[in-house]
Amino acid sequence: MNEQNYASFEASKKLFDAGIILETEFYWVEREDWSHLNLDGSSKDIITIDEKDDCDEFAIPAISFGDLLRELPAGMSLHKIDGHYSGYMLEYTPSYLRNGNVQFTTYNKNPIDAIVEFFIWFKKEKIKQIKKERMVI
């Protein structure tokens, strides 16, 4: 399995901590048993939804690009960057703004992590907008 197809443990935890829970087939677990270290020395693993039921550790949804794609608004673009900085740049320009008026930009080595950063920001902005509209009424 290619872990670049999923948000990192850290990005998945940010989503979870922000209260954004999406349905997914895979979950991150952080093993507490030191005998279960990965080759890179980490204690984090991606497990399937079936393995989650048999797991003693706390599991956080490991969001894939497909999971996020259904939730994303129009106006978002993701670009691969090679050169001085290698990774991905995500920009968001809502349709009601003129061309070139980017409202959000982020860079990340993992494309899914870049989308997660945007998605958390987008959800917070939506909540602010709803609160503002309620205050007007």
C-alpha atoms as a PDB file:
ATOM      1  CA  MET A   1       0.000   0.000   0.000  1.00  0.00           C
ATOM      2  CA  ASN A   2       1.303   3.450  -0.924  1.00  0.00           C
ATOM      3  CA  GLU A   3       1.056   5.687   2.156  1.00  0.00           C
ATOM      4  CA  GLN A   4       1.287   8.767  -0.127  1.00  0.00           C
ATOM      5  CA  ASN A   5      -2.327   7.958  -1.053  1.00  0.00           C
ATOM      6  CA  TYR A   6      -3.359   8.682   2.543  1.00  0.00           C
ATOM      7  CA  ALA A   7      -3.029  11.614   4.890  1.00  0.00           C
ATOM      8  CA  SER A   8      -0.110  11.217   7.281  1.00  0.00           C
ATOM      9  CA  PHE A   9      -0.765  10.284  10.889  1.00  0.00           C
ATOM     10  CA  GLU A  10      -0.160  13.915  11.904  1.00  0.00           C
ATOM     11  CA  ALA A  11      -2.579  15.344   9.299  1.00  0.00           C
ATOM     12  CA  SER A  12      -5.194  12.701  10.127  1.00  0.00           C
ATOM     13  CA  LYS A  13      -4.886  13.622  13.808  1.00  0.00           C
ATOM     14  CA  LYS A  14      -5.335  17.342  12.956  1.00  0.00           C
ATOM     15  CA  LEU A  15      -8.554  16.491  11.110  1.00  0.00           C
ATOM     16  CA  PHE A  16      -9.742  14.353  14.001  1.00  0.00           C
ATOM     17  CA  ASP A  17      -8.846  17.020  16.592  1.00  0.00           C
ATOM     18  CA  ALA A  18     -10.750  19.607  14.520  1.00  0.00           C
ATOM     19  CA  GLY A  19     -13.843  17.411  14.849  1.00  0.00           C
ATOM     20  CA  ILE A  20     -13.877  16.434  11.171  1.00  0.00           C
ATOM     21  CA  ILE A  21     -14.611  12.724  10.898  1.00  0.00           C
ATOM     22  CA  LEU A  22     -14.964  11.245   7.398  1.00  0.00           C
ATOM     23  CA  GLU A  23     -15.943   7.693   6.520  1.00  0.00           C
ATOM     24  CA  THR A  24     -12.927   5.695   5.350  1.00  0.00           C
ATOM     25  CA  GLU A  25     -11.716   2.140   4.902  1.00  0.00           C
ATOM     26  CA  PHE A  26      -8.383   2.620   6.704  1.00  0.00           C
ATOM     27  CA  TYR A  27      -7.263   3.869  10.120  1.00  0.00           C
ATOM     28  CA  TRP A  28      -4.028   4.985  11.746  1.00  0.00           C
ATOM     29  CA  VAL A  29      -3.034   3.398  15.038  1.00  0.00           C
ATOM     30  CA  GLU A  30      -0.087   4.280  17.219  1.00  0.00           C
ATOM     31  CA  ARG A  31       1.204   1.094  18.767  1.00  0.00           C
ATOM     32  CA  GLU A  32       2.105   1.227  22.420  1.00  0.00           C
ATOM     33  CA  ASP A  33       3.999  -2.051  22.271  1.00  0.00           C
ATOM     34  CA  TRP A  34       7.644  -1.135  21.537  1.00  0.00           C
ATOM     35  CA  SER A  35       8.227  -4.598  20.074  1.00  0.00           C
ATOM     36  CA  HIS A  36       6.050  -3.525  17.120  1.00  0.00           C
ATOM     37  CA  LEU A  37       8.253  -0.800  15.626  1.00  0.00           C
ATOM     38  CA  ASN A  38       8.351  -0.329  11.850  1.00  0.00           C
ATOM     39  CA  LEU A  39      11.585  -0.357   9.856  1.00  0.00           C
ATOM     40  CA  ASP A  40      11.722   3.450  10.040  1.00  0.00           C
ATOM     41  CA  GLY A  41      11.466   3.322  13.842  1.00  0.00           C
ATOM     42  CA  SER A  42       7.895   4.638  14.012  1.00  0.00           C
ATOM     43  CA  SER A  43       5.136   2.948  15.936  1.00  0.00           C
ATOM     44  CA  LYS A  44       2.335   4.079  13.588  1.00  0.00           C
ATOM     45  CA  ASP A  45       0.521   1.718  11.220  1.00  0.00           C
ATOM     46  CA  ILE A  46      -2.374   1.919   8.788  1.00  0.00           C
ATOM     47  CA  ILE A  47      -4.916  -0.819   9.385  1.00  0.00           C
ATOM     48  CA  THR A  48      -8.157  -1.779   7.635  1.00  0.00           C
ATOM     49  CA  ILE A  49     -11.602  -1.123   9.019  1.00  0.00           C
ATOM     50  CA  ASP A  50     -11.889  -4.866   9.792  1.00  0.00           C
ATOM     51  CA  GLU A  51      -8.624  -4.849  11.772  1.00  0.00           C
ATOM     52  CA  LYS A  52      -9.836  -1.773  13.679  1.00  0.00           C
ATOM     53  CA  ASP A  53     -12.528  -3.832  15.421  1.00  0.00           C
ATOM     54  CA  ASP A  54      -9.873  -6.202  16.817  1.00  0.00           C
ATOM     55  CA  CYS A  55      -7.424  -3.452  17.752  1.00  0.00           C
ATOM     56  CA  ASP A  56      -6.831  -2.350  21.347  1.00  0.00           C
ATOM     57  CA  GLU A  57      -5.200   0.953  20.347  1.00  0.00           C
ATOM     58  CA  PHE A  58      -7.114   4.137  19.592  1.00  0.00           C
ATOM     59  CA  ALA A  59      -7.700   4.425  15.824  1.00  0.00           C
ATOM     60  CA  ILE A  60      -7.853   7.669  13.804  1.00  0.00           C
ATOM     61  CA  PRO A  61      -9.347   7.664  10.279  1.00  0.00           C
ATOM     62  CA  ALA A  62      -6.595   7.574   7.602  1.00  0.00           C
ATOM     63  CA  ILE A  63      -8.181   9.778   4.970  1.00  0.00           C
ATOM     64  CA  SER A  64      -7.486   9.022   1.305  1.00  0.00           C
ATOM     65  CA  PHE A  65      -7.691  11.357  -1.672  1.00  0.00           C
ATOM     66  CA  GLY A  66     -10.951   9.669  -2.688  1.00  0.00           C
ATOM     67  CA  ASP A  67     -12.457  10.298   0.763  1.00  0.00           C
ATOM     68  CA  LEU A  68     -11.600  14.015   0.532  1.00  0.00           C
ATOM     69  CA  LEU A  69     -12.478  14.478  -3.134  1.00  0.00           C
ATOM     70  CA  ARG A  70     -16.217  14.179  -2.471  1.00  0.00           C
ATOM     71  CA  GLU A  71     -15.993  16.959   0.132  1.00  0.00           C
ATOM     72  CA  LEU A  72     -13.913  19.553  -1.730  1.00  0.00           C
ATOM     73  CA  PRO A  73     -15.368  22.760  -3.159  1.00  0.00           C
ATOM     74  CA  ALA A  74     -14.832  24.104  -6.658  1.00  0.00           C
ATOM     75  CA  GLY A  75     -11.954  26.534  -7.045  1.00  0.00           C
ATOM     76  CA  MET A  76      -9.232  24.369  -5.515  1.00  0.00           C
ATOM     77  CA  SER A  77      -6.125  23.488  -7.517  1.00  0.00           C
ATOM     78  CA  LEU A  78      -3.236  21.207  -6.583  1.00  0.00           C
ATOM     79  CA  HIS A  79       0.128  21.563  -8.334  1.00  0.00           C
ATOM     80  CA  LYS A  80       3.203  19.344  -8.141  1.00  0.00           C
ATOM     81  CA  ILE A  81       6.374  21.388  -7.692  1.00  0.00           C
ATOM     82  CA  ASP A  82       9.838  20.198  -8.666  1.00  0.00           C
ATOM     83  CA  GLY A  83      12.885  22.342  -8.186  1.00  0.00           C
ATOM     84  CA  HIS A  84      14.100  24.255  -5.148  1.00  0.00           C
ATOM     85  CA  TYR A  85      11.065  22.984  -3.213  1.00  0.00           C
ATOM     86  CA  SER A  86       9.713  19.555  -4.106  1.00  0.00           C
ATOM     87  CA  GLY A  87       6.206  18.805  -3.032  1.00  0.00           C
ATOM     88  CA  TYR A  88       2.712  20.075  -3.661  1.00  0.00           C
ATOM     89  CA  MET A  89       1.107  23.501  -3.642  1.00  0.00           C
ATOM     90  CA  LEU A  90      -2.617  23.882  -3.107  1.00  0.00           C
ATOM     91  CA  GLU A  91      -4.466  27.099  -3.945  1.00  0.00           C
ATOM     92  CA  TYR A  92      -8.103  28.001  -3.431  1.00  0.00           C
ATOM     93  CA  THR A  93      -9.955  30.800  -5.196  1.00  0.00           C
ATOM     94  CA  PRO A  94     -13.737  30.811  -4.709  1.00  0.00           C
ATOM     95  CA  SER A  95     -15.747  31.330  -7.893  1.00  0.00           C
ATOM     96  CA  TYR A  96     -17.170  34.645  -6.637  1.00  0.00           C
ATOM     97  CA  LEU A  97     -13.672  36.210  -6.527  1.00  0.00           C
ATOM     98  CA  ARG A  98     -11.815  37.449  -9.579  1.00  0.00           C
ATOM     99  CA  ASN A  99      -9.052  35.394 -11.129  1.00  0.00           C
ATOM    100  CA  GLY A 100      -5.801  35.634  -9.209  1.00  0.00           C
ATOM    101  CA  ASN A 101      -7.425  36.447  -5.849  1.00  0.00           C
ATOM    102  CA  VAL A 102      -6.166  33.369  -4.053  1.00  0.00           C
ATOM    103  CA  GLN A 103      -7.823  33.012  -0.663  1.00  0.00           C
ATOM    104  CA  PHE A 104      -5.742  30.101   0.670  1.00  0.00           C
ATOM    105  CA  THR A 105      -2.334  28.610  -0.216  1.00  0.00           C
ATOM    106  CA  THR A 106      -0.352  25.799   1.399  1.00  0.00           C
ATOM    107  CA  TYR A 107       2.696  23.657   0.547  1.00  0.00           C
ATOM    108  CA  ASN A 108       3.346  20.081   1.640  1.00  0.00           C
ATOM    109  CA  LYS A 109       5.445  17.048   0.677  1.00  0.00           C
ATOM    110  CA  ASN A 110       2.340  14.825   0.850  1.00  0.00           C
ATOM    111  CA  PRO A 111      -0.487  15.911  -1.496  1.00  0.00           C
ATOM    112  CA  ILE A 112      -3.176  14.555   0.821  1.00  0.00           C
ATOM    113  CA  ASP A 113      -1.713  16.479   3.783  1.00  0.00           C
ATOM    114  CA  ALA A 114      -1.929  19.689   1.715  1.00  0.00           C
ATOM    115  CA  ILE A 115      -5.601  18.963   1.019  1.00  0.00           C
ATOM    116  CA  VAL A 116      -6.210  18.196   4.720  1.00  0.00           C
ATOM    117  CA  GLU A 117      -4.727  21.574   5.730  1.00  0.00           C
ATOM    118  CA  PHE A 118      -7.036  23.296   3.253  1.00  0.00           C
ATOM    119  CA  PHE A 119     -10.058  21.241   4.290  1.00  0.00           C
ATOM    120  CA  ILE A 120      -9.651  22.170   7.977  1.00  0.00           C
ATOM    121  CA  TRP A 121      -9.309  25.854   7.047  1.00  0.00           C
ATOM    122  CA  PHE A 122     -12.339  25.644   4.699  1.00  0.00           C
ATOM    123  CA  LYS A 123     -14.550  24.049   7.375  1.00  0.00           C
ATOM    124  CA  LYS A 124     -13.528  26.717   9.933  1.00  0.00           C
ATOM    125  CA  GLU A 125     -14.336  29.473   7.419  1.00  0.00           C
ATOM    126  CA  LYS A 126     -17.758  27.914   6.764  1.00  0.00           C
ATOM    127  CA  ILE A 127     -18.488  27.890  10.507  1.00  0.00           C
ATOM    128  CA  LYS A 128     -17.455  31.569  10.777  1.00  0.00           C
ATOM    129  CA  GLN A 129     -19.748  32.423   7.865  1.00  0.00           C
ATOM    130  CA  ILE A 130     -22.712  30.598   9.421  1.00  0.00           C
ATOM    131  CA  LYS A 131     -22.143  32.357  12.774  1.00  0.00           C
ATOM    132  CA  LYS A 132     -21.906  35.721  11.009  1.00  0.00           C
ATOM    133  CA  GLU A 133     -25.161  35.070   9.123  1.00  0.00           C
ATOM    134  CA  ARG A 134     -26.932  34.088  12.353  1.00  0.00           C
ATOM    135  CA  MET A 135     -25.831  37.321  14.010  1.00  0.00           C
ATOM    136  CA  VAL A 136     -27.401  39.350  11.187  1.00  0.00           C
ATOM    137  CA  ILE A 137     -30.816  37.724  11.620  1.00  0.00           C
END
